[in-house]
Amino acid sequence: MNTDRIEEIKQMFNREYDVLEKTQKLLDKENVSKDDLYQGLEEMVKHFNVLLKDSMKITKIGDASQRKLMKANEKIESLNEKLQESEQNVKELNTILMHYIKATDR
């Protein structure tokens, strides 16, 4: 994956990175009050909840897309089999016609 794409993905999760960084700074402090820790945890849980809901939506969309692709692939395979059968029928018909033409030329 190229660096532009990585940066684009990081931008999509900019809020989450901000919350993570803020929480990490809070944890790195030596004398942190219980209230500050609670607020940091509360904010992180809130963002995690949103991220989890978004992940579930994305998974649902991905699953639906995969089912559509599998159905389309099955249809393509079925059509390909029919095409091969038709091609075989054309070859057989061509062989019969060639024999007929040779027989009638005599």
PDB file of N, CA and C in Angstrom:
ATOM      1  N   MET A   1       0.858  -1.169   0.000  1.00  0.00           N
ATOM      2  CA  MET A   1       0.000   0.000   0.000  1.00  0.00           C
ATOM      3  C   MET A   1       0.908   1.237   0.000  1.00  0.00           C
ATOM      4  N   ASN A   2       0.640   2.172  -0.892  1.00  0.00           N
ATOM      5  CA  ASN A   2       1.520   3.331  -0.984  1.00  0.00           C
ATOM      6  C   ASN A   2       1.263   4.308   0.163  1.00  0.00           C
ATOM      7  N   THR A   3       2.227   5.195   0.398  1.00  0.00           N
ATOM      8  CA  THR A   3       2.157   6.109   1.546  1.00  0.00           C
ATOM      9  C   THR A   3       0.990   7.083   1.441  1.00  0.00           C
ATOM     10  N   ASP A   4       0.603   7.482   0.232  1.00  0.00           N
ATOM     11  CA  ASP A   4      -0.554   8.374   0.082  1.00  0.00           C
ATOM     12  C   ASP A   4      -1.821   7.699   0.592  1.00  0.00           C
ATOM     13  N   ARG A   5      -1.975   6.432   0.268  1.00  0.00           N
ATOM     14  CA  ARG A   5      -3.163   5.690   0.704  1.00  0.00           C
ATOM     15  C   ARG A   5      -3.158   5.520   2.224  1.00  0.00           C
ATOM     16  N   ILE A   6      -1.997   5.257   2.803  1.00  0.00           N
ATOM     17  CA  ILE A   6      -1.885   5.120   4.257  1.00  0.00           C
ATOM     18  C   ILE A   6      -2.276   6.426   4.940  1.00  0.00           C
ATOM     19  N   GLU A   7      -1.793   7.532   4.406  1.00  0.00           N
ATOM     20  CA  GLU A   7      -2.144   8.837   4.979  1.00  0.00           C
ATOM     21  C   GLU A   7      -3.637   9.119   4.846  1.00  0.00           C
ATOM     22  N   GLU A   8      -4.219   8.715   3.730  1.00  0.00           N
ATOM     23  CA  GLU A   8      -5.655   8.897   3.517  1.00  0.00           C
ATOM     24  C   GLU A   8      -6.447   8.109   4.556  1.00  0.00           C
ATOM     25  N   ILE A   9      -6.016   6.896   4.824  1.00  0.00           N
ATOM     26  CA  ILE A   9      -6.689   6.065   5.817  1.00  0.00           C
ATOM     27  C   ILE A   9      -6.515   6.666   7.209  1.00  0.00           C
ATOM     28  N   LYS A  10      -5.312   7.136   7.508  1.00  0.00           N
ATOM     29  CA  LYS A  10      -5.087   7.782   8.809  1.00  0.00           C
ATOM     30  C   LYS A  10      -6.003   8.990   8.983  1.00  0.00           C
ATOM     31  N   GLN A  11      -6.224   9.743   7.916  1.00  0.00           N
ATOM     32  CA  GLN A  11      -7.111  10.903   7.983  1.00  0.00           C
ATOM     33  C   GLN A  11      -8.541  10.486   8.323  1.00  0.00           C
ATOM     34  N   MET A  12      -8.968   9.320   7.800  1.00  0.00           N
ATOM     35  CA  MET A  12     -10.314   8.835   8.084  1.00  0.00           C
ATOM     36  C   MET A  12     -10.482   8.562   9.578  1.00  0.00           C
ATOM     37  N   PHE A  13      -9.408   8.169  10.247  1.00  0.00           N
ATOM     38  CA  PHE A  13      -9.453   7.846  11.671  1.00  0.00           C
ATOM     39  C   PHE A  13      -8.790   8.930  12.516  1.00  0.00           C
ATOM     40  N   ASN A  14      -8.820  10.145  12.012  1.00  0.00           N
ATOM     41  CA  ASN A  14      -8.157  11.251  12.689  1.00  0.00           C
ATOM     42  C   ASN A  14      -8.687  11.453  14.109  1.00  0.00           C
ATOM     43  N   ARG A  15     -10.021  11.406  14.277  1.00  0.00           N
ATOM     44  CA  ARG A  15     -10.606  11.593  15.618  1.00  0.00           C
ATOM     45  C   ARG A  15     -10.133  10.510  16.573  1.00  0.00           C
ATOM     46  N   GLU A  16     -10.094   9.280  16.092  1.00  0.00           N
ATOM     47  CA  GLU A  16      -9.684   8.171  16.950  1.00  0.00           C
ATOM     48  C   GLU A  16      -8.219   8.314  17.357  1.00  0.00           C
ATOM     49  N   TYR A  17      -7.379   8.735  16.403  1.00  0.00           N
ATOM     50  CA  TYR A  17      -5.975   8.977  16.741  1.00  0.00           C
ATOM     51  C   TYR A  17      -5.852  10.081  17.774  1.00  0.00           C
ATOM     52  N   ASP A  18      -6.668  11.125  17.649  1.00  0.00           N
ATOM     53  CA  ASP A  18      -6.639  12.221  18.626  1.00  0.00           C
ATOM     54  C   ASP A  18      -7.023  11.735  20.020  1.00  0.00           C
ATOM     55  N   VAL A  19      -8.092  10.936  20.101  1.00  0.00           N
ATOM     56  CA  VAL A  19      -8.528  10.401  21.389  1.00  0.00           C
ATOM     57  C   VAL A  19      -7.458   9.489  21.973  1.00  0.00           C
ATOM     58  N   LEU A  20      -6.876   8.653  21.136  1.00  0.00           N
ATOM     59  CA  LEU A  20      -5.823   7.747  21.585  1.00  0.00           C
ATOM     60  C   LEU A  20      -4.623   8.529  22.126  1.00  0.00           C
ATOM     61  N   GLU A  21      -4.219   9.541  21.389  1.00  0.00           N
ATOM     62  CA  GLU A  21      -3.072  10.358  21.809  1.00  0.00           C
ATOM     63  C   GLU A  21      -3.373  11.086  23.122  1.00  0.00           C
ATOM     64  N   LYS A  22      -4.563  11.635  23.214  1.00  0.00           N
ATOM     65  CA  LYS A  22      -4.967  12.353  24.424  1.00  0.00           C
ATOM     66  C   LYS A  22      -4.982  11.406  25.628  1.00  0.00           C
ATOM     67  N   THR A  23      -5.516  10.218  25.435  1.00  0.00           N
ATOM     68  CA  THR A  23      -5.573   9.236  26.516  1.00  0.00           C
ATOM     69  C   THR A  23      -4.180   8.768  26.896  1.00  0.00           C
ATOM     70  N   GLN A  24      -3.315   8.572  25.891  1.00  0.00           N
ATOM     71  CA  GLN A  24      -1.944   8.146  26.178  1.00  0.00           C
ATOM     72  C   GLN A  24      -1.207   9.209  26.986  1.00  0.00           C
ATOM     73  N   LYS A  25      -1.397  10.472  26.637  1.00  0.00           N
ATOM     74  CA  LYS A  25      -0.770  11.566  27.395  1.00  0.00           C
ATOM     75  C   LYS A  25      -1.268  11.572  28.831  1.00  0.00           C
ATOM     76  N   LEU A  26      -2.564  11.299  28.989  1.00  0.00           N
ATOM     77  CA  LEU A  26      -3.144  11.246  30.324  1.00  0.00           C
ATOM     78  C   LEU A  26      -2.510  10.118  31.135  1.00  0.00           C
ATOM     79  N   LEU A  27      -2.308   8.971  30.508  1.00  0.00           N
ATOM     80  CA  LEU A  27      -1.693   7.835  31.195  1.00  0.00           C
ATOM     81  C   LEU A  27      -0.219   8.075  31.517  1.00  0.00           C
ATOM     82  N   ASP A  28       0.445   8.876  30.686  1.00  0.00           N
ATOM     83  CA  ASP A  28       1.868   9.151  30.884  1.00  0.00           C
ATOM     84  C   ASP A  28       2.128  10.120  32.036  1.00  0.00           C
ATOM     85  N   LYS A  29       1.106  10.859  32.443  1.00  0.00           N
ATOM     86  CA  LYS A  29       1.260  11.795  33.559  1.00  0.00           C
ATOM     87  C   LYS A  29       1.471  11.025  34.861  1.00  0.00           C
ATOM     88  N   GLU A  30       2.280  11.619  35.747  1.00  0.00           N
ATOM     89  CA  GLU A  30       2.547  10.939  37.017  1.00  0.00           C
ATOM     90  C   GLU A  30       1.426  11.133  38.026  1.00  0.00           C
ATOM     91  N   ASN A  31       0.971  12.338  38.191  1.00  0.00           N
ATOM     92  CA  ASN A  31      -0.067  12.619  39.182  1.00  0.00           C
ATOM     93  C   ASN A  31      -1.370  12.970  38.481  1.00  0.00           C
ATOM     94  N   VAL A  32      -2.125  11.952  38.174  1.00  0.00           N
ATOM     95  CA  VAL A  32      -3.384  12.159  37.475  1.00  0.00           C
ATOM     96  C   VAL A  32      -4.519  11.923  38.471  1.00  0.00           C
ATOM     97  N   SER A  33      -5.461  12.822  38.453  1.00  0.00           N
ATOM     98  CA  SER A  33      -6.592  12.655  39.366  1.00  0.00           C
ATOM     99  C   SER A  33      -7.515  11.557  38.863  1.00  0.00           C
ATOM    100  N   LYS A  34      -8.264  11.020  39.794  1.00  0.00           N
ATOM    101  CA  LYS A  34      -9.227   9.977  39.450  1.00  0.00           C
ATOM    102  C   LYS A  34     -10.265  10.531  38.476  1.00  0.00           C
ATOM    103  N   ASP A  35     -10.682  11.756  38.660  1.00  0.00           N
ATOM    104  CA  ASP A  35     -11.675  12.379  37.773  1.00  0.00           C
ATOM    105  C   ASP A  35     -11.142  12.519  36.349  1.00  0.00           C
ATOM    106  N   ASP A  36      -9.864  12.928  36.220  1.00  0.00           N
ATOM    107  CA  ASP A  36      -9.271  13.067  34.881  1.00  0.00           C
ATOM    108  C   ASP A  36      -9.188  11.711  34.176  1.00  0.00           C
ATOM    109  N   LEU A  37      -8.789  10.677  34.935  1.00  0.00           N
ATOM    110  CA  LEU A  37      -8.732   9.331  34.361  1.00  0.00           C
ATOM    111  C   LEU A  37     -10.122   8.870  33.938  1.00  0.00           C
ATOM    112  N   TYR A  38     -11.111   9.135  34.776  1.00  0.00           N
ATOM    113  CA  TYR A  38     -12.480   8.737  34.467  1.00  0.00           C
ATOM    114  C   TYR A  38     -12.971   9.450  33.205  1.00  0.00           C
ATOM    115  N   GLN A  39     -12.715  10.738  33.099  1.00  0.00           N
ATOM    116  CA  GLN A  39     -13.140  11.498  31.917  1.00  0.00           C
ATOM    117  C   GLN A  39     -12.442  10.982  30.654  1.00  0.00           C
ATOM    118  N   GLY A  40     -11.145  10.679  30.776  1.00  0.00           N
ATOM    119  CA  GLY A  40     -10.406  10.143  29.633  1.00  0.00           C
ATOM    120  C   GLY A  40     -10.957   8.792  29.202  1.00  0.00           C
ATOM    121  N   LEU A  41     -11.246   7.944  30.192  1.00  0.00           N
ATOM    122  CA  LEU A  41     -11.813   6.634  29.898  1.00  0.00           C
ATOM    123  C   LEU A  41     -13.204   6.780  29.284  1.00  0.00           C
ATOM    124  N   GLU A  42     -13.990   7.682  29.819  1.00  0.00           N
ATOM    125  CA  GLU A  42     -15.341   7.910  29.307  1.00  0.00           C
ATOM    126  C   GLU A  42     -15.300   8.356  27.845  1.00  0.00           C
ATOM    127  N   GLU A  43     -14.387   9.267  27.518  1.00  0.00           N
ATOM    128  CA  GLU A  43     -14.260   9.733  26.136  1.00  0.00           C
ATOM    129  C   GLU A  43     -13.809   8.608  25.210  1.00  0.00           C
ATOM    130  N   MET A  44     -12.861   7.801  25.700  1.00  0.00           N
ATOM    131  CA  MET A  44     -12.367   6.706  24.877  1.00  0.00           C
ATOM    132  C   MET A  44     -13.474   5.684  24.633  1.00  0.00           C
ATOM    133  N   VAL A  45     -14.263   5.358  25.643  1.00  0.00           N
ATOM    134  CA  VAL A  45     -15.361   4.402  25.501  1.00  0.00           C
ATOM    135  C   VAL A  45     -16.391   4.931  24.510  1.00  0.00           C
ATOM    136  N   LYS A  46     -16.685   6.224  24.582  1.00  0.00           N
ATOM    137  CA  LYS A  46     -17.652   6.832  23.661  1.00  0.00           C
ATOM    138  C   LYS A  46     -17.171   6.693  22.213  1.00  0.00           C
ATOM    139  N   HIS A  47     -15.908   6.994  21.984  1.00  0.00           N
ATOM    140  CA  HIS A  47     -15.354   6.884  20.623  1.00  0.00           C
ATOM    141  C   HIS A  47     -15.258   5.427  20.182  1.00  0.00           C
ATOM    142  N   PHE A  48     -14.914   4.545  21.119  1.00  0.00           N
ATOM    143  CA  PHE A  48     -14.846   3.121  20.785  1.00  0.00           C
ATOM    144  C   PHE A  48     -16.221   2.614  20.367  1.00  0.00           C
ATOM    145  N   ASN A  49     -17.254   3.036  21.058  1.00  0.00           N
ATOM    146  CA  ASN A  49     -18.615   2.631  20.732  1.00  0.00           C
ATOM    147  C   ASN A  49     -18.993   3.060  19.314  1.00  0.00           C
ATOM    148  N   VAL A  50     -18.677   4.286  18.957  1.00  0.00           N
ATOM    149  CA  VAL A  50     -18.952   4.781  17.597  1.00  0.00           C
ATOM    150  C   VAL A  50     -18.162   3.973  16.577  1.00  0.00           C
ATOM    151  N   LEU A  51     -16.904   3.743  16.866  1.00  0.00           N
ATOM    152  CA  LEU A  51     -16.044   2.980  15.958  1.00  0.00           C
ATOM    153  C   LEU A  51     -16.557   1.554  15.784  1.00  0.00           C
ATOM    154  N   LEU A  52     -17.013   0.942  16.874  1.00  0.00           N
ATOM    155  CA  LEU A  52     -17.545  -0.414  16.807  1.00  0.00           C
ATOM    156  C   LEU A  52     -18.820  -0.461  15.968  1.00  0.00           C
ATOM    157  N   LYS A  53     -19.721   0.502  16.151  1.00  0.00           N
ATOM    158  CA  LYS A  53     -20.949   0.557  15.353  1.00  0.00           C
ATOM    159  C   LYS A  53     -20.624   0.742  13.872  1.00  0.00           C
ATOM    160  N   ASP A  54     -19.668   1.633  13.583  1.00  0.00           N
ATOM    161  CA  ASP A  54     -19.260   1.837  12.186  1.00  0.00           C
ATOM    162  C   ASP A  54     -18.663   0.562  11.601  1.00  0.00           C
ATOM    163  N   SER A  55     -17.858  -0.143  12.395  1.00  0.00           N
ATOM    164  CA  SER A  55     -17.247  -1.395  11.931  1.00  0.00           C
ATOM    165  C   SER A  55     -18.314  -2.433  11.623  1.00  0.00           C
ATOM    166  N   MET A  56     -19.348  -2.486  12.453  1.00  0.00           N
ATOM    167  CA  MET A  56     -20.435  -3.433  12.221  1.00  0.00           C
ATOM    168  C   MET A  56     -21.178  -3.094  10.933  1.00  0.00           C
ATOM    169  N   LYS A  57     -21.417  -1.803  10.681  1.00  0.00           N
ATOM    170  CA  LYS A  57     -22.081  -1.391   9.436  1.00  0.00           C
ATOM    171  C   LYS A  57     -21.233  -1.760   8.230  1.00  0.00           C
ATOM    172  N   ILE A  58     -19.942  -1.480   8.326  1.00  0.00           N
ATOM    173  CA  ILE A  58     -19.026  -1.777   7.219  1.00  0.00           C
ATOM    174  C   ILE A  58     -18.984  -3.281   6.957  1.00  0.00           C
ATOM    175  N   THR A  59     -18.956  -4.069   8.022  1.00  0.00           N
ATOM    176  CA  THR A  59     -18.949  -5.525   7.879  1.00  0.00           C
ATOM    177  C   THR A  59     -20.227  -6.002   7.204  1.00  0.00           C
ATOM    178  N   LYS A  60     -21.362  -5.442   7.613  1.00  0.00           N
ATOM    179  CA  LYS A  60     -22.654  -5.815   7.028  1.00  0.00           C
ATOM    180  C   LYS A  60     -22.673  -5.482   5.533  1.00  0.00           C
ATOM    181  N   ILE A  61     -22.181  -4.299   5.181  1.00  0.00           N
ATOM    182  CA  ILE A  61     -22.119  -3.888   3.774  1.00  0.00           C
ATOM    183  C   ILE A  61     -21.173  -4.795   2.996  1.00  0.00           C
ATOM    184  N   GLY A  62     -20.032  -5.106   3.609  1.00  0.00           N
ATOM    185  CA  GLY A  62     -19.065  -5.992   2.959  1.00  0.00           C
ATOM    186  C   GLY A  62     -19.633  -7.380   2.725  1.00  0.00           C
ATOM    187  N   ASP A  63     -20.367  -7.901   3.710  1.00  0.00           N
ATOM    188  CA  ASP A  63     -20.983  -9.218   3.565  1.00  0.00           C
ATOM    189  C   ASP A  63     -22.017  -9.215   2.439  1.00  0.00           C
ATOM    190  N   ALA A  64     -22.824  -8.157   2.401  1.00  0.00           N
ATOM    191  CA  ALA A  64     -23.839  -8.054   1.333  1.00  0.00           C
ATOM    192  C   ALA A  64     -23.169  -7.974  -0.032  1.00  0.00           C
ATOM    193  N   SER A  65     -22.101  -7.205  -0.117  1.00  0.00           N
ATOM    194  CA  SER A  65     -21.368  -7.085  -1.388  1.00  0.00           C
ATOM    195  C   SER A  65     -20.769  -8.421  -1.791  1.00  0.00           C
ATOM    196  N   GLN A  66     -20.236  -9.140  -0.816  1.00  0.00           N
ATOM    197  CA  GLN A  66     -19.648 -10.445  -1.113  1.00  0.00           C
ATOM    198  C   GLN A  66     -20.716 -11.411  -1.629  1.00  0.00           C
ATOM    199  N   ARG A  67     -21.900 -11.398  -0.995  1.00  0.00           N
ATOM    200  CA  ARG A  67     -22.977 -12.278  -1.468  1.00  0.00           C
ATOM    201  C   ARG A  67     -23.360 -11.924  -2.901  1.00  0.00           C
ATOM    202  N   LYS A  68     -23.452 -10.619  -3.216  1.00  0.00           N
ATOM    203  CA  LYS A  68     -23.790 -10.203  -4.579  1.00  0.00           C
ATOM    204  C   LYS A  68     -22.723 -10.659  -5.568  1.00  0.00           C
ATOM    205  N   LEU A  69     -21.466 -10.525  -5.186  1.00  0.00           N
ATOM    206  CA  LEU A  69     -20.374 -10.952  -6.062  1.00  0.00           C
ATOM    207  C   LEU A  69     -20.398 -12.462  -6.279  1.00  0.00           C
ATOM    208  N   MET A  70     -20.668 -13.216  -5.221  1.00  0.00           N
ATOM    209  CA  MET A  70     -20.726 -14.672  -5.356  1.00  0.00           C
ATOM    210  C   MET A  70     -21.885 -15.079  -6.262  1.00  0.00           C
ATOM    211  N   LYS A  71     -23.030 -14.406  -6.111  1.00  0.00           N
ATOM    212  CA  LYS A  71     -24.180 -14.701  -6.962  1.00  0.00           C
ATOM    213  C   LYS A  71     -23.869 -14.366  -8.419  1.00  0.00           C
ATOM    214  N   ALA A  72     -23.224 -13.212  -8.637  1.00  0.00           N
ATOM    215  CA  ALA A  72     -22.844 -12.820  -9.997  1.00  0.00           C
ATOM    216  C   ALA A  72     -21.837 -13.811 -10.580  1.00  0.00           C
ATOM    217  N   ASN A  73     -20.903 -14.281  -9.751  1.00  0.00           N
ATOM    218  CA  ASN A  73     -19.909 -15.258 -10.212  1.00  0.00           C
ATOM    219  C   ASN A  73     -20.575 -16.571 -10.603  1.00  0.00           C
ATOM    220  N   GLU A  74     -21.567 -17.001  -9.801  1.00  0.00           N
ATOM    221  CA  GLU A  74     -22.300 -18.220 -10.139  1.00  0.00           C
ATOM    222  C   GLU A  74     -23.016 -18.062 -11.480  1.00  0.00           C
ATOM    223  N   LYS A  75     -23.612 -16.895 -11.689  1.00  0.00           N
ATOM    224  CA  LYS A  75     -24.311 -16.644 -12.951  1.00  0.00           C
ATOM    225  C   LYS A  75     -23.325 -16.649 -14.121  1.00  0.00           C
ATOM    226  N   ILE A  76     -22.172 -16.039 -13.923  1.00  0.00           N
ATOM    227  CA  ILE A  76     -21.146 -16.015 -14.969  1.00  0.00           C
ATOM    228  C   ILE A  76     -20.702 -17.443 -15.297  1.00  0.00           C
ATOM    229  N   GLU A  77     -20.493 -18.255 -14.249  1.00  0.00           N
ATOM    230  CA  GLU A  77     -20.083 -19.643 -14.478  1.00  0.00           C
ATOM    231  C   GLU A  77     -21.157 -20.412 -15.242  1.00  0.00           C
ATOM    232  N   SER A  78     -22.418 -20.180 -14.870  1.00  0.00           N
ATOM    233  CA  SER A  78     -23.520 -20.848 -15.559  1.00  0.00           C
ATOM    234  C   SER A  78     -23.577 -20.416 -17.023  1.00  0.00           C
ATOM    235  N   LEU A  79     -23.458 -19.126 -17.265  1.00  0.00           N
ATOM    236  CA  LEU A  79     -23.473 -18.620 -18.644  1.00  0.00           C
ATOM    237  C   LEU A  79     -22.274 -19.136 -19.434  1.00  0.00           C
ATOM    238  N   ASN A  80     -21.137 -19.260 -18.765  1.00  0.00           N
ATOM    239  CA  ASN A  80     -19.937 -19.773 -19.423  1.00  0.00           C
ATOM    240  C   ASN A  80     -20.138 -21.235 -19.832  1.00  0.00           C
ATOM    241  N   GLU A  81     -20.781 -22.016 -18.955  1.00  0.00           N
ATOM    242  CA  GLU A  81     -21.076 -23.413 -19.303  1.00  0.00           C
ATOM    243  C   GLU A  81     -22.017 -23.477 -20.515  1.00  0.00           C
ATOM    244  N   LYS A  82     -23.049 -22.628 -20.519  1.00  0.00           N
ATOM    245  CA  LYS A  82     -23.971 -22.595 -21.651  1.00  0.00           C
ATOM    246  C   LYS A  82     -23.248 -22.182 -22.931  1.00  0.00           C
ATOM    247  N   LEU A  83     -22.344 -21.234 -22.807  1.00  0.00           N
ATOM    248  CA  LEU A  83     -21.570 -20.790 -23.968  1.00  0.00           C
ATOM    249  C   LEU A  83     -20.708 -21.926 -24.502  1.00  0.00           C
ATOM    250  N   GLN A  84     -20.079 -22.674 -23.605  1.00  0.00           N
ATOM    251  CA  GLN A  84     -19.254 -23.801 -24.030  1.00  0.00           C
ATOM    252  C   GLN A  84     -20.105 -24.878 -24.704  1.00  0.00           C
ATOM    253  N   GLU A  85     -21.304 -25.120 -24.147  1.00  0.00           N
ATOM    254  CA  GLU A  85     -22.215 -26.082 -24.774  1.00  0.00           C
ATOM    255  C   GLU A  85     -22.617 -25.606 -26.166  1.00  0.00           C
ATOM    256  N   SER A  86     -22.920 -24.324 -26.282  1.00  0.00           N
ATOM    257  CA  SER A  86     -23.289 -23.768 -27.586  1.00  0.00           C
ATOM    258  C   SER A  86     -22.139 -23.876 -28.568  1.00  0.00           C
ATOM    259  N   GLU A  87     -20.944 -23.602 -28.086  1.00  0.00           N
ATOM    260  CA  GLU A  87     -19.763 -23.709 -28.950  1.00  0.00           C
ATOM    261  C   GLU A  87     -19.589 -25.146 -29.435  1.00  0.00           C
ATOM    262  N   GLN A  88     -19.793 -26.110 -28.531  1.00  0.00           N
ATOM    263  CA  GLN A  88     -19.680 -27.519 -28.913  1.00  0.00           C
ATOM    264  C   GLN A  88     -20.758 -27.883 -29.936  1.00  0.00           C
ATOM    265  N   ASN A  89     -21.978 -27.363 -29.729  1.00  0.00           N
ATOM    266  CA  ASN A  89     -23.058 -27.628 -30.687  1.00  0.00           C
ATOM    267  C   ASN A  89     -22.739 -27.046 -32.062  1.00  0.00           C
ATOM    268  N   VAL A  90     -22.156 -25.865 -32.085  1.00  0.00           N
ATOM    269  CA  VAL A  90     -21.782 -25.237 -33.351  1.00  0.00           C
ATOM    270  C   VAL A  90     -20.709 -26.067 -34.043  1.00  0.00           C
ATOM    271  N   LYS A  91     -19.736 -26.560 -33.288  1.00  0.00           N
ATOM    272  CA  LYS A  91     -18.681 -27.406 -33.871  1.00  0.00           C
ATOM    273  C   LYS A  91     -19.277 -28.684 -34.461  1.00  0.00           C
ATOM    274  N   GLU A  92     -20.195 -29.298 -33.711  1.00  0.00           N
ATOM    275  CA  GLU A  92     -20.826 -30.524 -34.202  1.00  0.00           C
ATOM    276  C   GLU A  92     -21.655 -30.243 -35.455  1.00  0.00           C
ATOM    277  N   LEU A  93     -22.385 -29.139 -35.421  1.00  0.00           N
ATOM    278  CA  LEU A  93     -23.180 -28.757 -36.594  1.00  0.00           C
ATOM    279  C   LEU A  93     -22.272 -28.481 -37.782  1.00  0.00           C
ATOM    280  N   ASN A  94     -21.177 -27.831 -37.551  1.00  0.00           N
ATOM    281  CA  ASN A  94     -20.212 -27.535 -38.612  1.00  0.00           C
ATOM    282  C   ASN A  94     -19.664 -28.834 -39.206  1.00  0.00           C
ATOM    283  N   THR A  95     -19.357 -29.807 -38.336  1.00  0.00           N
ATOM    284  CA  THR A  95     -18.856 -31.097 -38.818  1.00  0.00           C
ATOM    285  C   THR A  95     -19.912 -31.792 -39.681  1.00  0.00           C
ATOM    286  N   ILE A  96     -21.149 -31.782 -39.206  1.00  0.00           N
ATOM    287  CA  ILE A  96     -22.243 -32.406 -39.974  1.00  0.00           C
ATOM    288  C   ILE A  96     -22.407 -31.714 -41.323  1.00  0.00           C
ATOM    289  N   LEU A  97     -22.368 -30.379 -41.315  1.00  0.00           N
ATOM    290  CA  LEU A  97     -22.518 -29.629 -42.567  1.00  0.00           C
ATOM    291  C   LEU A  97     -21.373 -29.909 -43.524  1.00  0.00           C
ATOM    292  N   MET A  98     -20.176 -30.034 -43.019  1.00  0.00           N
ATOM    293  CA  MET A  98     -19.011 -30.331 -43.868  1.00  0.00           C
ATOM    294  C   MET A  98     -19.172 -31.723 -44.516  1.00  0.00           C
ATOM    295  N   HIS A  99     -19.623 -32.699 -43.711  1.00  0.00           N
ATOM    296  CA  HIS A  99     -19.870 -34.043 -44.265  1.00  0.00           C
ATOM    297  C   HIS A  99     -20.981 -33.977 -45.327  1.00  0.00           C
ATOM    298  N   TYR A 100     -22.005 -33.225 -45.075  1.00  0.00           N
ATOM    299  CA  TYR A 100     -23.123 -33.101 -46.008  1.00  0.00           C
ATOM    300  C   TYR A 100     -22.661 -32.463 -47.310  1.00  0.00           C
ATOM    301  N   ILE A 101     -21.850 -31.381 -47.153  1.00  0.00           N
ATOM    302  CA  ILE A 101     -21.336 -30.686 -48.346  1.00  0.00           C
ATOM    303  C   ILE A 101     -20.459 -31.621 -49.185  1.00  0.00           C
ATOM    304  N   LYS A 102     -19.577 -32.371 -48.503  1.00  0.00           N
ATOM    305  CA  LYS A 102     -18.722 -33.330 -49.215  1.00  0.00           C
ATOM    306  C   LYS A 102     -19.558 -34.412 -49.900  1.00  0.00           C
ATOM    307  N   ALA A 103     -20.587 -34.877 -49.219  1.00  0.00           N
ATOM    308  CA  ALA A 103     -21.433 -35.939 -49.779  1.00  0.00           C
ATOM    309  C   ALA A 103     -22.230 -35.431 -50.960  1.00  0.00           C
ATOM    310  N   THR A 104     -22.671 -34.224 -50.947  1.00  0.00           N
ATOM    311  CA  THR A 104     -23.486 -33.700 -52.045  1.00  0.00           C
ATOM    312  C   THR A 104     -22.633 -33.221 -53.200  1.00  0.00           C
ATOM    313  N   ASP A 105     -21.347 -32.987 -53.004  1.00  0.00           N
ATOM    314  CA  ASP A 105     -20.443 -32.556 -54.076  1.00  0.00           C
ATOM    315  C   ASP A 105     -20.130 -33.711 -55.009  1.00  0.00           C
ATOM    316  N   ARG A 106     -20.308 -34.892 -54.619  1.00  0.00           N
ATOM    317  CA  ARG A 106     -19.925 -36.063 -55.411  1.00  0.00           C
ATOM    318  C   ARG A 106     -20.864 -36.319 -56.497  1.00  0.00           C
TER     319      ARG A 106
END
